[in-house]
Amino acid sequence: MNKYYFVSLALLAFTPCLSAQTANTSETTQIEATTGPVTVTSSQPATLANASDYKVRISDLDTNGDGRLSRREIPATHALTYEFHLVDRDHNGYITNAELEKANWR
C-alpha cells in the first residue's frame, strides 16, 4: 500500500464531517515559514449548540426558590456545570443574579 491510499482513506473518513458543518464561520491566514508558505484555516460553528445556556436566569434553574443556584440545581449537561467556579466569584458555593451579570451570562 502506498501513501496515497492512506491519504484517500483519511479524506473519505473526514468527508462526512465536512458536509455536516455547512453553517460554520471560517478564517484563512497565510504564514511564511522557513520551509515556504503555510495556509492555516480555522473553523467553528456559527452558533453554539448550547447558546441558550448562556442566557439563563436564576429563576430558570432555582428549584428550591431561594434566589440563588447551587451545584445541585444545575443540570449535568448545562454550561454552568462546567463553569460554576468561574461564575461563583465569592466562592461560597452559590451563584446569584449579581454574579451572573458580572460574568455576562445574560
C-alpha atoms as a PDB file:
ATOM      1  CA  MET A   1       0.000   0.000   0.000  1.00  0.00           C
ATOM      2  CA  ASN A   2       1.277   3.429  -0.821  1.00  0.00           C
ATOM      3  CA  LYS A   3       0.901   6.739   0.965  1.00  0.00           C
ATOM      4  CA  TYR A   4      -1.797   7.927  -1.474  1.00  0.00           C
ATOM      5  CA  TYR A   5      -4.038   5.061  -0.421  1.00  0.00           C
ATOM      6  CA  PHE A   6      -3.848   6.149   3.214  1.00  0.00           C
ATOM      7  CA  VAL A   7      -4.492   9.783   2.330  1.00  0.00           C
ATOM      8  CA  SER A   8      -7.529   8.749   0.284  1.00  0.00           C
ATOM      9  CA  LEU A   9      -8.906   6.722   3.193  1.00  0.00           C
ATOM     10  CA  ALA A  10      -8.368   9.631   5.547  1.00  0.00           C
ATOM     11  CA  LEU A  11     -10.189  12.011   3.221  1.00  0.00           C
ATOM     12  CA  LEU A  12     -13.103   9.605   2.803  1.00  0.00           C
ATOM     13  CA  ALA A  13     -13.412   9.254   6.575  1.00  0.00           C
ATOM     14  CA  PHE A  14     -13.313  13.030   7.039  1.00  0.00           C
ATOM     15  CA  THR A  15     -15.712  13.972   4.216  1.00  0.00           C
ATOM     16  CA  PRO A  16     -18.984  13.374   6.164  1.00  0.00           C
ATOM     17  CA  CYS A  17     -17.719  15.693   8.898  1.00  0.00           C
ATOM     18  CA  LEU A  18     -17.121  18.435   6.364  1.00  0.00           C
ATOM     19  CA  SER A  19     -20.561  18.216   4.813  1.00  0.00           C
ATOM     20  CA  ALA A  20     -22.271  18.240   8.221  1.00  0.00           C
ATOM     21  CA  GLN A  21     -20.639  21.545   9.139  1.00  0.00           C
ATOM     22  CA  THR A  22     -22.145  23.815   6.497  1.00  0.00           C
ATOM     23  CA  ALA A  23     -23.122  26.568   8.950  1.00  0.00           C
ATOM     24  CA  ASN A  24     -19.569  27.324  10.047  1.00  0.00           C
ATOM     25  CA  THR A  25     -17.608  30.516  10.037  1.00  0.00           C
ATOM     26  CA  SER A  26     -14.042  30.170   8.899  1.00  0.00           C
ATOM     27  CA  GLU A  27     -10.925  32.245   8.520  1.00  0.00           C
ATOM     28  CA  THR A  28      -7.853  31.573   6.407  1.00  0.00           C
ATOM     29  CA  THR A  29      -4.413  33.020   7.082  1.00  0.00           C
ATOM     30  CA  GLN A  30      -1.220  32.570   5.128  1.00  0.00           C
ATOM     31  CA  ILE A  31       2.018  32.392   7.127  1.00  0.00           C
ATOM     32  CA  GLU A  32       5.508  32.467   5.694  1.00  0.00           C
ATOM     33  CA  ALA A  33       7.545  29.684   7.310  1.00  0.00           C
ATOM     34  CA  THR A  34      11.209  28.868   6.774  1.00  0.00           C
ATOM     35  CA  THR A  35      10.153  25.965   4.547  1.00  0.00           C
ATOM     36  CA  GLY A  36       7.745  28.089   2.484  1.00  0.00           C
ATOM     37  CA  PRO A  37       4.200  29.434   2.751  1.00  0.00           C
ATOM     38  CA  VAL A  38       1.745  27.704   5.073  1.00  0.00           C
ATOM     39  CA  THR A  39      -2.014  28.210   4.883  1.00  0.00           C
ATOM     40  CA  VAL A  40      -3.928  27.879   8.160  1.00  0.00           C
ATOM     41  CA  THR A  41      -7.713  27.614   8.097  1.00  0.00           C
ATOM     42  CA  SER A  42      -9.747  27.722  11.292  1.00  0.00           C
ATOM     43  CA  SER A  43     -13.434  26.993  11.520  1.00  0.00           C
ATOM     44  CA  GLN A  44     -16.131  26.973  14.155  1.00  0.00           C
ATOM     45  CA  PRO A  45     -19.917  26.677  14.212  1.00  0.00           C
ATOM     46  CA  ALA A  46     -21.765  29.934  13.505  1.00  0.00           C
ATOM     47  CA  THR A  47     -23.801  29.379  16.690  1.00  0.00           C
ATOM     48  CA  LEU A  48     -23.036  27.344  19.760  1.00  0.00           C
ATOM     49  CA  ALA A  49     -25.153  24.276  20.358  1.00  0.00           C
ATOM     50  CA  ASN A  50     -25.644  25.373  23.973  1.00  0.00           C
ATOM     51  CA  ALA A  51     -26.047  29.128  23.334  1.00  0.00           C
ATOM     52  CA  SER A  52     -29.291  29.180  25.331  1.00  0.00           C
ATOM     53  CA  ASP A  53     -27.344  28.077  28.431  1.00  0.00           C
ATOM     54  CA  TYR A  54     -25.630  31.456  28.442  1.00  0.00           C
ATOM     55  CA  LYS A  55     -28.955  33.313  28.611  1.00  0.00           C
ATOM     56  CA  VAL A  56     -30.021  31.605  31.820  1.00  0.00           C
ATOM     57  CA  ARG A  57     -31.674  33.386  34.732  1.00  0.00           C
ATOM     58  CA  ILE A  58     -31.628  32.257  38.340  1.00  0.00           C
ATOM     59  CA  SER A  59     -35.377  31.618  38.195  1.00  0.00           C
ATOM     60  CA  ASP A  60     -34.889  29.207  35.262  1.00  0.00           C
ATOM     61  CA  LEU A  61     -32.932  26.729  37.403  1.00  0.00           C
ATOM     62  CA  ASP A  62     -33.710  27.658  41.027  1.00  0.00           C
ATOM     63  CA  THR A  63     -35.569  24.532  42.135  1.00  0.00           C
ATOM     64  CA  ASN A  64     -35.791  25.406  45.849  1.00  0.00           C
ATOM     65  CA  GLY A  65     -36.800  29.065  45.354  1.00  0.00           C
ATOM     66  CA  ASP A  66     -34.024  30.628  47.444  1.00  0.00           C
ATOM     67  CA  GLY A  67     -32.997  33.099  44.723  1.00  0.00           C
ATOM     68  CA  ARG A  68     -29.579  31.551  44.086  1.00  0.00           C
ATOM     69  CA  LEU A  69     -28.137  28.478  42.402  1.00  0.00           C
ATOM     70  CA  SER A  70     -26.181  25.665  43.997  1.00  0.00           C
ATOM     71  CA  ARG A  71     -24.372  22.984  42.015  1.00  0.00           C
ATOM     72  CA  ARG A  72     -27.186  20.504  42.769  1.00  0.00           C
ATOM     73  CA  GLU A  73     -29.756  22.703  40.988  1.00  0.00           C
ATOM     74  CA  ILE A  74     -27.865  22.872  37.689  1.00  0.00           C
ATOM     75  CA  PRO A  75     -28.443  20.067  35.149  1.00  0.00           C
ATOM     76  CA  ALA A  76     -25.379  17.914  34.447  1.00  0.00           C
ATOM     77  CA  THR A  77     -25.138  18.970  30.794  1.00  0.00           C
ATOM     78  CA  HIS A  78     -25.664  22.712  31.373  1.00  0.00           C
ATOM     79  CA  ALA A  79     -22.760  25.084  30.669  1.00  0.00           C
ATOM     80  CA  LEU A  80     -22.904  26.382  34.266  1.00  0.00           C
ATOM     81  CA  THR A  81     -21.945  22.909  35.476  1.00  0.00           C
ATOM     82  CA  TYR A  82     -18.553  23.288  33.815  1.00  0.00           C
ATOM     83  CA  GLU A  83     -18.088  26.992  34.565  1.00  0.00           C
ATOM     84  CA  PHE A  84     -19.596  27.176  38.053  1.00  0.00           C
ATOM     85  CA  HIS A  85     -16.264  28.011  39.686  1.00  0.00           C
ATOM     86  CA  LEU A  86     -15.791  30.945  37.290  1.00  0.00           C
ATOM     87  CA  VAL A  87     -19.238  32.457  37.827  1.00  0.00           C
ATOM     88  CA  ASP A  88     -19.274  31.914  41.620  1.00  0.00           C
ATOM     89  CA  ARG A  89     -16.914  34.820  42.207  1.00  0.00           C
ATOM     90  CA  ASP A  90     -17.076  34.822  46.003  1.00  0.00           C
ATOM     91  CA  HIS A  91     -16.645  31.006  46.055  1.00  0.00           C
ATOM     92  CA  ASN A  92     -19.423  30.439  48.570  1.00  0.00           C
ATOM     93  CA  GLY A  93     -20.989  27.583  46.592  1.00  0.00           C
ATOM     94  CA  TYR A  94     -23.881  29.630  45.221  1.00  0.00           C
ATOM     95  CA  ILE A  95     -24.443  31.742  42.111  1.00  0.00           C
ATOM     96  CA  THR A  96     -26.506  34.911  42.451  1.00  0.00           C
ATOM     97  CA  ASN A  97     -28.042  37.259  39.883  1.00  0.00           C
ATOM     98  CA  ALA A  98     -25.237  39.755  40.532  1.00  0.00           C
ATOM     99  CA  GLU A  99     -22.618  37.092  39.782  1.00  0.00           C
ATOM    100  CA  LEU A 100     -24.398  36.097  36.569  1.00  0.00           C
ATOM    101  CA  GLU A 101     -24.441  39.749  35.463  1.00  0.00           C
ATOM    102  CA  LYS A 102     -20.753  40.246  36.243  1.00  0.00           C
ATOM    103  CA  ALA A 103     -19.936  37.126  34.240  1.00  0.00           C
ATOM    104  CA  ASN A 104     -22.063  38.406  31.291  1.00  0.00           C
ATOM    105  CA  TRP A 105     -24.398  35.409  31.367  1.00  0.00           C
ATOM    106  CA  ARG A 106     -27.402  37.366  30.057  1.00  0.00           C
END
